[in-house]
N, C-alpha and C. Protein backbone atom coordinates (compact mmCIF):
# COMPACT_ATOMS: atom_id res chain seq x y z
N UNK A 1 0.82 -1.20 0.00
CA UNK A 1 0.00 0.00 0.00
C UNK A 1 0.85 1.26 0.00
N UNK A 2 0.26 2.32 -0.46
CA UNK A 2 0.91 3.63 -0.47
C UNK A 2 0.34 4.50 0.64
N UNK A 3 1.21 5.20 1.33
CA UNK A 3 0.79 6.14 2.37
C UNK A 3 1.28 7.52 1.96
N UNK A 4 0.33 8.46 1.90
CA UNK A 4 0.67 9.85 1.58
C UNK A 4 0.26 10.72 2.75
N UNK A 5 1.10 11.66 3.09
CA UNK A 5 0.80 12.62 4.15
C UNK A 5 0.67 13.99 3.49
N UNK A 6 -0.52 14.58 3.61
CA UNK A 6 -0.77 15.91 3.05
C UNK A 6 -1.07 16.87 4.20
N UNK A 7 -0.57 18.07 4.09
CA UNK A 7 -0.74 19.07 5.13
C UNK A 7 -1.98 19.91 4.87
N UNK A 8 -2.98 19.78 5.72
CA UNK A 8 -4.23 20.53 5.56
C UNK A 8 -4.02 22.05 5.51
N UNK A 9 -3.17 22.62 6.37
CA UNK A 9 -3.04 24.08 6.33
C UNK A 9 -2.35 24.62 5.09
N UNK A 10 -1.88 23.73 4.21
CA UNK A 10 -1.27 24.18 2.96
C UNK A 10 -2.31 24.59 1.92
N UNK A 11 -3.59 24.49 2.26
CA UNK A 11 -4.64 24.78 1.27
C UNK A 11 -4.55 26.18 0.67
N UNK A 12 -3.98 27.12 1.40
CA UNK A 12 -3.91 28.49 0.87
C UNK A 12 -2.47 28.97 0.65
N UNK A 13 -1.53 28.02 0.56
CA UNK A 13 -0.12 28.35 0.34
C UNK A 13 0.22 28.16 -1.13
N UNK A 14 1.33 28.78 -1.54
CA UNK A 14 1.81 28.64 -2.92
C UNK A 14 2.84 27.52 -3.00
N UNK A 15 2.85 26.84 -4.12
CA UNK A 15 3.82 25.77 -4.38
C UNK A 15 5.24 26.32 -4.37
N UNK A 16 6.17 25.51 -3.90
CA UNK A 16 7.59 25.91 -3.91
C UNK A 16 8.10 26.06 -5.34
N UNK A 17 7.65 25.17 -6.22
CA UNK A 17 8.15 25.14 -7.60
C UNK A 17 7.42 26.08 -8.53
N UNK A 18 6.16 26.33 -8.23
CA UNK A 18 5.33 27.15 -9.11
C UNK A 18 4.52 28.10 -8.24
N UNK A 19 4.98 29.32 -8.11
CA UNK A 19 4.37 30.29 -7.19
C UNK A 19 2.92 30.62 -7.54
N UNK A 20 2.46 30.27 -8.74
CA UNK A 20 1.07 30.54 -9.09
C UNK A 20 0.17 29.34 -8.81
N UNK A 21 0.76 28.24 -8.35
CA UNK A 21 -0.02 27.02 -8.08
C UNK A 21 -0.25 26.85 -6.58
N UNK A 22 -1.32 26.15 -6.26
CA UNK A 22 -1.68 25.87 -4.89
C UNK A 22 -0.80 24.74 -4.33
N UNK A 23 -0.26 24.93 -3.15
CA UNK A 23 0.67 23.96 -2.56
C UNK A 23 0.00 22.62 -2.26
N UNK A 24 -1.19 22.63 -1.69
CA UNK A 24 -1.88 21.38 -1.37
C UNK A 24 -2.17 20.59 -2.64
N UNK A 25 -2.63 21.28 -3.67
CA UNK A 25 -2.99 20.61 -4.92
C UNK A 25 -1.74 20.23 -5.71
N UNK A 26 -0.85 21.18 -5.93
CA UNK A 26 0.32 20.95 -6.79
C UNK A 26 1.36 20.06 -6.11
N UNK A 27 1.79 20.44 -4.91
CA UNK A 27 2.86 19.70 -4.23
C UNK A 27 2.32 18.48 -3.48
N UNK A 28 1.03 18.41 -3.26
CA UNK A 28 0.46 17.29 -2.54
C UNK A 28 -0.29 16.34 -3.45
N UNK A 29 -1.47 16.76 -3.87
CA UNK A 29 -2.35 15.88 -4.64
C UNK A 29 -1.74 15.48 -5.98
N UNK A 30 -1.24 16.44 -6.74
CA UNK A 30 -0.69 16.11 -8.06
C UNK A 30 0.55 15.22 -7.96
N UNK A 31 1.39 15.47 -6.96
CA UNK A 31 2.56 14.61 -6.75
C UNK A 31 2.11 13.20 -6.38
N UNK A 32 1.11 13.09 -5.53
CA UNK A 32 0.57 11.79 -5.14
C UNK A 32 0.08 11.04 -6.38
N UNK A 33 -0.67 11.72 -7.24
CA UNK A 33 -1.19 11.09 -8.46
C UNK A 33 -0.05 10.66 -9.39
N UNK A 34 0.99 11.46 -9.44
CA UNK A 34 2.15 11.13 -10.28
C UNK A 34 2.80 9.84 -9.77
N UNK A 35 2.95 9.71 -8.48
CA UNK A 35 3.53 8.50 -7.89
C UNK A 35 2.63 7.30 -8.17
N UNK A 36 1.33 7.49 -8.05
CA UNK A 36 0.38 6.39 -8.27
C UNK A 36 0.41 5.90 -9.72
N UNK A 37 0.85 6.74 -10.66
CA UNK A 37 0.91 6.35 -12.07
C UNK A 37 2.09 5.46 -12.39
N UNK A 38 3.04 5.34 -11.49
CA UNK A 38 4.20 4.48 -11.73
C UNK A 38 3.72 3.06 -12.02
N UNK A 39 4.32 2.44 -13.02
CA UNK A 39 3.88 1.11 -13.47
C UNK A 39 3.74 0.11 -12.33
N UNK A 40 4.72 0.07 -11.45
CA UNK A 40 4.68 -0.92 -10.38
C UNK A 40 3.80 -0.53 -9.20
N UNK A 41 3.16 0.63 -9.25
CA UNK A 41 2.29 1.07 -8.16
C UNK A 41 0.83 1.20 -8.57
N UNK A 42 0.53 0.96 -9.83
CA UNK A 42 -0.85 1.07 -10.29
C UNK A 42 -1.70 -0.01 -9.62
N UNK A 43 -2.84 0.41 -9.11
CA UNK A 43 -3.76 -0.52 -8.46
C UNK A 43 -3.46 -0.77 -7.00
N UNK A 44 -2.39 -0.19 -6.48
CA UNK A 44 -2.02 -0.39 -5.08
C UNK A 44 -2.93 0.48 -4.20
N UNK A 45 -3.49 -0.09 -3.13
CA UNK A 45 -4.36 0.69 -2.23
C UNK A 45 -3.63 1.92 -1.68
N UNK A 46 -4.40 2.97 -1.45
CA UNK A 46 -3.85 4.25 -1.03
C UNK A 46 -4.43 4.66 0.32
N UNK A 47 -3.55 5.11 1.19
CA UNK A 47 -3.96 5.69 2.46
C UNK A 47 -3.49 7.14 2.47
N UNK A 48 -4.40 8.06 2.72
CA UNK A 48 -4.07 9.49 2.73
C UNK A 48 -4.25 10.00 4.16
N UNK A 49 -3.17 10.52 4.72
CA UNK A 49 -3.22 11.16 6.03
C UNK A 49 -3.33 12.66 5.81
N UNK A 50 -4.46 13.22 6.19
CA UNK A 50 -4.64 14.68 6.12
C UNK A 50 -4.15 15.19 7.47
N UNK A 51 -2.95 15.73 7.48
CA UNK A 51 -2.24 16.03 8.71
C UNK A 51 -2.35 17.52 9.10
N UNK A 52 -1.97 17.78 10.32
CA UNK A 52 -1.92 19.13 10.92
C UNK A 52 -3.33 19.72 11.08
N UNK A 53 -4.24 18.87 11.53
CA UNK A 53 -5.61 19.32 11.75
C UNK A 53 -5.65 20.50 12.71
N UNK A 54 -4.83 20.47 13.75
CA UNK A 54 -4.82 21.55 14.73
C UNK A 54 -4.48 22.90 14.10
N UNK A 55 -3.48 22.91 13.21
CA UNK A 55 -3.10 24.16 12.54
C UNK A 55 -4.17 24.60 11.55
N UNK A 56 -4.79 23.64 10.89
CA UNK A 56 -5.87 23.93 9.95
C UNK A 56 -7.04 24.59 10.69
N UNK A 57 -7.40 24.06 11.83
CA UNK A 57 -8.50 24.63 12.63
C UNK A 57 -8.18 26.07 13.02
N UNK A 58 -6.95 26.30 13.45
CA UNK A 58 -6.55 27.67 13.82
C UNK A 58 -6.60 28.61 12.62
N UNK A 59 -6.18 28.11 11.47
CA UNK A 59 -6.18 28.94 10.26
C UNK A 59 -7.60 29.30 9.85
N UNK A 60 -8.50 28.34 9.90
CA UNK A 60 -9.91 28.60 9.55
C UNK A 60 -10.52 29.57 10.56
N UNK A 61 -10.22 29.38 11.84
CA UNK A 61 -10.76 30.25 12.89
C UNK A 61 -10.25 31.69 12.76
N UNK A 62 -9.04 31.86 12.23
CA UNK A 62 -8.48 33.20 12.11
C UNK A 62 -9.09 34.00 10.95
N UNK A 63 -9.77 33.30 10.04
CA UNK A 63 -10.39 33.96 8.90
C UNK A 63 -11.72 33.27 8.57
N UNK A 64 -12.67 33.29 9.52
CA UNK A 64 -13.91 32.51 9.35
C UNK A 64 -14.83 33.00 8.23
N UNK A 65 -14.65 34.22 7.79
CA UNK A 65 -15.51 34.74 6.72
C UNK A 65 -15.10 34.22 5.34
N UNK A 66 -13.87 33.74 5.22
CA UNK A 66 -13.38 33.27 3.93
C UNK A 66 -13.16 31.76 3.96
N UNK A 67 -12.46 31.25 4.97
CA UNK A 67 -12.18 29.82 5.06
C UNK A 67 -11.48 29.33 3.82
N UNK A 68 -11.90 28.16 3.32
CA UNK A 68 -11.24 27.59 2.15
C UNK A 68 -11.81 28.12 0.83
N UNK A 69 -12.84 28.95 0.90
CA UNK A 69 -13.44 29.51 -0.33
C UNK A 69 -12.45 30.36 -1.12
N UNK A 70 -11.42 30.88 -0.46
CA UNK A 70 -10.42 31.68 -1.17
C UNK A 70 -9.69 30.83 -2.22
N UNK A 71 -9.59 29.54 -1.98
CA UNK A 71 -8.89 28.63 -2.89
C UNK A 71 -9.87 27.72 -3.62
N UNK A 72 -10.92 27.34 -2.94
CA UNK A 72 -11.94 26.46 -3.51
C UNK A 72 -13.27 27.21 -3.56
N UNK A 73 -13.46 28.09 -4.56
CA UNK A 73 -14.68 28.89 -4.61
C UNK A 73 -15.95 28.05 -4.74
N UNK A 74 -15.81 26.81 -5.20
CA UNK A 74 -16.96 25.93 -5.34
C UNK A 74 -17.39 25.29 -4.01
N UNK A 75 -16.62 25.52 -2.95
CA UNK A 75 -16.93 24.97 -1.63
C UNK A 75 -18.31 25.46 -1.17
N UNK A 76 -19.26 24.53 -0.91
CA UNK A 76 -20.62 24.95 -0.58
C UNK A 76 -20.90 25.09 0.92
N UNK A 77 -19.94 24.71 1.75
CA UNK A 77 -20.18 24.66 3.19
C UNK A 77 -20.00 26.00 3.89
N UNK A 78 -20.15 25.94 5.19
CA UNK A 78 -19.94 27.14 6.03
C UNK A 78 -18.44 27.42 6.10
N UNK A 79 -18.07 28.65 5.83
CA UNK A 79 -16.65 29.00 5.80
C UNK A 79 -15.99 28.86 7.17
N UNK A 80 -16.75 28.94 8.22
CA UNK A 80 -16.18 28.84 9.57
C UNK A 80 -16.12 27.40 10.08
N UNK A 81 -16.63 26.45 9.33
CA UNK A 81 -16.67 25.06 9.78
C UNK A 81 -15.44 24.29 9.31
N UNK A 82 -14.56 23.97 10.27
CA UNK A 82 -13.38 23.20 9.89
C UNK A 82 -13.75 21.77 9.51
N UNK A 83 -14.77 21.19 10.14
CA UNK A 83 -15.17 19.82 9.80
C UNK A 83 -15.71 19.74 8.37
N UNK A 84 -16.57 20.67 8.00
CA UNK A 84 -17.10 20.68 6.63
C UNK A 84 -15.98 20.96 5.63
N UNK A 85 -15.05 21.82 6.00
CA UNK A 85 -13.92 22.16 5.11
C UNK A 85 -13.03 20.94 4.90
N UNK A 86 -12.74 20.22 5.97
CA UNK A 86 -11.92 19.02 5.86
C UNK A 86 -12.63 17.98 5.00
N UNK A 87 -13.93 17.82 5.21
CA UNK A 87 -14.68 16.86 4.40
C UNK A 87 -14.64 17.24 2.92
N UNK A 88 -14.75 18.53 2.63
CA UNK A 88 -14.68 18.99 1.25
C UNK A 88 -13.32 18.66 0.64
N UNK A 89 -12.25 18.95 1.37
CA UNK A 89 -10.90 18.67 0.88
C UNK A 89 -10.72 17.16 0.67
N UNK A 90 -11.21 16.37 1.61
CA UNK A 90 -11.12 14.92 1.46
C UNK A 90 -11.89 14.45 0.23
N UNK A 91 -13.09 14.98 0.04
CA UNK A 91 -13.89 14.61 -1.14
C UNK A 91 -13.20 15.03 -2.44
N UNK A 92 -12.57 16.21 -2.41
CA UNK A 92 -11.83 16.69 -3.58
C UNK A 92 -10.70 15.72 -3.93
N UNK A 93 -9.91 15.33 -2.92
CA UNK A 93 -8.79 14.42 -3.15
C UNK A 93 -9.30 13.06 -3.61
N UNK A 94 -10.36 12.58 -2.97
CA UNK A 94 -10.96 11.30 -3.35
C UNK A 94 -11.38 11.33 -4.81
N UNK A 95 -11.99 12.41 -5.23
CA UNK A 95 -12.43 12.57 -6.62
C UNK A 95 -11.25 12.58 -7.58
N UNK A 96 -10.18 13.28 -7.21
CA UNK A 96 -8.99 13.33 -8.07
C UNK A 96 -8.36 11.96 -8.22
N UNK A 97 -8.30 11.20 -7.13
CA UNK A 97 -7.76 9.84 -7.20
C UNK A 97 -8.66 8.97 -8.07
N UNK A 98 -9.97 9.10 -7.89
CA UNK A 98 -10.93 8.27 -8.65
C UNK A 98 -10.87 8.53 -10.15
N UNK A 99 -10.50 9.76 -10.54
CA UNK A 99 -10.34 10.07 -11.97
C UNK A 99 -9.19 9.27 -12.57
N UNK A 100 -8.21 8.94 -11.75
CA UNK A 100 -7.00 8.25 -12.21
C UNK A 100 -7.10 6.73 -12.07
N UNK A 101 -7.76 6.29 -10.99
CA UNK A 101 -7.70 4.87 -10.66
C UNK A 101 -8.89 4.49 -9.78
N UNK A 102 -9.21 3.23 -9.79
CA UNK A 102 -10.30 2.70 -8.95
C UNK A 102 -9.74 1.99 -7.72
N UNK A 103 -8.59 2.44 -7.24
CA UNK A 103 -7.94 1.80 -6.10
C UNK A 103 -8.74 2.02 -4.82
N UNK A 104 -8.49 1.15 -3.88
CA UNK A 104 -9.07 1.30 -2.54
C UNK A 104 -8.40 2.49 -1.87
N UNK A 105 -9.20 3.35 -1.24
CA UNK A 105 -8.68 4.56 -0.60
C UNK A 105 -9.15 4.61 0.85
N UNK A 106 -8.25 5.03 1.72
CA UNK A 106 -8.58 5.25 3.12
C UNK A 106 -8.04 6.62 3.50
N UNK A 107 -8.84 7.37 4.23
CA UNK A 107 -8.44 8.71 4.67
C UNK A 107 -8.44 8.77 6.20
N UNK A 108 -7.44 9.45 6.73
CA UNK A 108 -7.38 9.73 8.17
C UNK A 108 -7.01 11.19 8.35
N UNK A 109 -7.67 11.84 9.29
CA UNK A 109 -7.33 13.22 9.64
C UNK A 109 -6.53 13.15 10.93
N UNK A 110 -5.31 13.71 10.89
CA UNK A 110 -4.40 13.55 12.02
C UNK A 110 -3.76 14.86 12.45
N UNK A 111 -3.22 14.80 13.64
CA UNK A 111 -2.33 15.82 14.17
C UNK A 111 -1.09 15.05 14.61
N UNK A 112 -0.01 15.16 13.85
CA UNK A 112 1.16 14.31 14.05
C UNK A 112 1.78 14.46 15.44
N UNK A 113 1.56 15.60 16.08
CA UNK A 113 2.13 15.78 17.41
C UNK A 113 1.37 14.97 18.46
N UNK A 114 0.19 14.46 18.12
CA UNK A 114 -0.56 13.57 19.01
C UNK A 114 -0.11 12.15 18.71
N UNK A 115 0.96 11.74 19.34
CA UNK A 115 1.61 10.48 19.00
C UNK A 115 0.72 9.26 19.21
N UNK A 116 -0.17 9.30 20.17
CA UNK A 116 -1.06 8.17 20.40
C UNK A 116 -2.02 7.98 19.23
N UNK A 117 -2.56 9.08 18.72
CA UNK A 117 -3.46 9.00 17.57
C UNK A 117 -2.70 8.50 16.34
N UNK A 118 -1.51 9.04 16.11
CA UNK A 118 -0.71 8.63 14.96
C UNK A 118 -0.37 7.14 15.07
N UNK A 119 -0.03 6.70 16.26
CA UNK A 119 0.28 5.28 16.48
C UNK A 119 -0.93 4.41 16.11
N UNK A 120 -2.12 4.81 16.55
CA UNK A 120 -3.34 4.06 16.25
C UNK A 120 -3.67 4.09 14.75
N UNK A 121 -3.49 5.25 14.13
CA UNK A 121 -3.75 5.37 12.69
C UNK A 121 -2.80 4.47 11.90
N UNK A 122 -1.52 4.51 12.23
CA UNK A 122 -0.56 3.68 11.52
C UNK A 122 -0.83 2.19 11.73
N UNK A 123 -1.25 1.81 12.93
CA UNK A 123 -1.61 0.40 13.18
C UNK A 123 -2.78 0.00 12.30
N UNK A 124 -3.76 0.89 12.16
CA UNK A 124 -4.92 0.62 11.31
C UNK A 124 -4.51 0.53 9.84
N UNK A 125 -3.63 1.41 9.41
CA UNK A 125 -3.14 1.40 8.03
C UNK A 125 -2.43 0.08 7.74
N UNK A 126 -1.56 -0.34 8.64
CA UNK A 126 -0.84 -1.61 8.46
C UNK A 126 -1.82 -2.78 8.42
N UNK A 127 -2.82 -2.75 9.27
CA UNK A 127 -3.84 -3.79 9.27
C UNK A 127 -4.59 -3.83 7.93
N UNK A 128 -4.98 -2.66 7.42
CA UNK A 128 -5.68 -2.59 6.13
C UNK A 128 -4.81 -3.11 4.99
N UNK A 129 -3.55 -2.72 4.98
CA UNK A 129 -2.63 -3.17 3.93
C UNK A 129 -2.44 -4.68 4.01
N UNK A 130 -2.26 -5.20 5.20
CA UNK A 130 -2.10 -6.65 5.39
C UNK A 130 -3.33 -7.40 4.91
N UNK A 131 -4.51 -6.93 5.30
CA UNK A 131 -5.76 -7.58 4.88
C UNK A 131 -5.92 -7.55 3.36
N UNK A 132 -5.59 -6.43 2.74
CA UNK A 132 -5.69 -6.32 1.28
C UNK A 132 -4.73 -7.31 0.62
N UNK A 133 -3.50 -7.40 1.12
CA UNK A 133 -2.53 -8.32 0.54
C UNK A 133 -2.98 -9.78 0.72
N UNK A 134 -3.54 -10.10 1.87
CA UNK A 134 -4.04 -11.46 2.10
C UNK A 134 -5.20 -11.77 1.18
N UNK A 135 -6.09 -10.80 0.97
CA UNK A 135 -7.21 -10.99 0.05
C UNK A 135 -6.72 -11.19 -1.39
N UNK A 136 -5.78 -10.35 -1.79
CA UNK A 136 -5.22 -10.45 -3.14
C UNK A 136 -4.52 -11.78 -3.38
N UNK A 137 -3.97 -12.35 -2.31
CA UNK A 137 -3.30 -13.64 -2.42
C UNK A 137 -4.29 -14.80 -2.29
N UNK A 138 -5.57 -14.48 -2.03
CA UNK A 138 -6.59 -15.51 -1.90
C UNK A 138 -6.52 -16.27 -0.59
N UNK A 139 -5.90 -15.69 0.41
CA UNK A 139 -5.75 -16.37 1.69
C UNK A 139 -6.88 -16.08 2.67
N UNK A 140 -7.64 -15.04 2.40
CA UNK A 140 -8.84 -14.77 3.22
C UNK A 140 -9.99 -14.35 2.33
């Protein structure tokens, strides 16, 4: 399985390589899709960790009148709602992956500094990958 870590608060940042591009989309999602296109990785299940939830919440709270609409004008939710905003970003990423591949996808929203949560998420990811491999091998 593939594990990608994307930074939620990057939604309104500029890409390092292309100052006119969005960092979350260009340096995160598009790079992830590029990796998934590699011949030996096509069809491999994907786990996406949407990280830095705590910083994302603070960023949304500091500008509740705009929220993620500054970058995603099609966002239909409440600009002050971090939960709705995270769900929108997750749905956006899910849609982008689905355009490329019909792979199994799992999403987790994390705060990496909360080591207990990260430990539990990684244990779940490893369990999912193991189960998928056992299924693919016809063992379960």
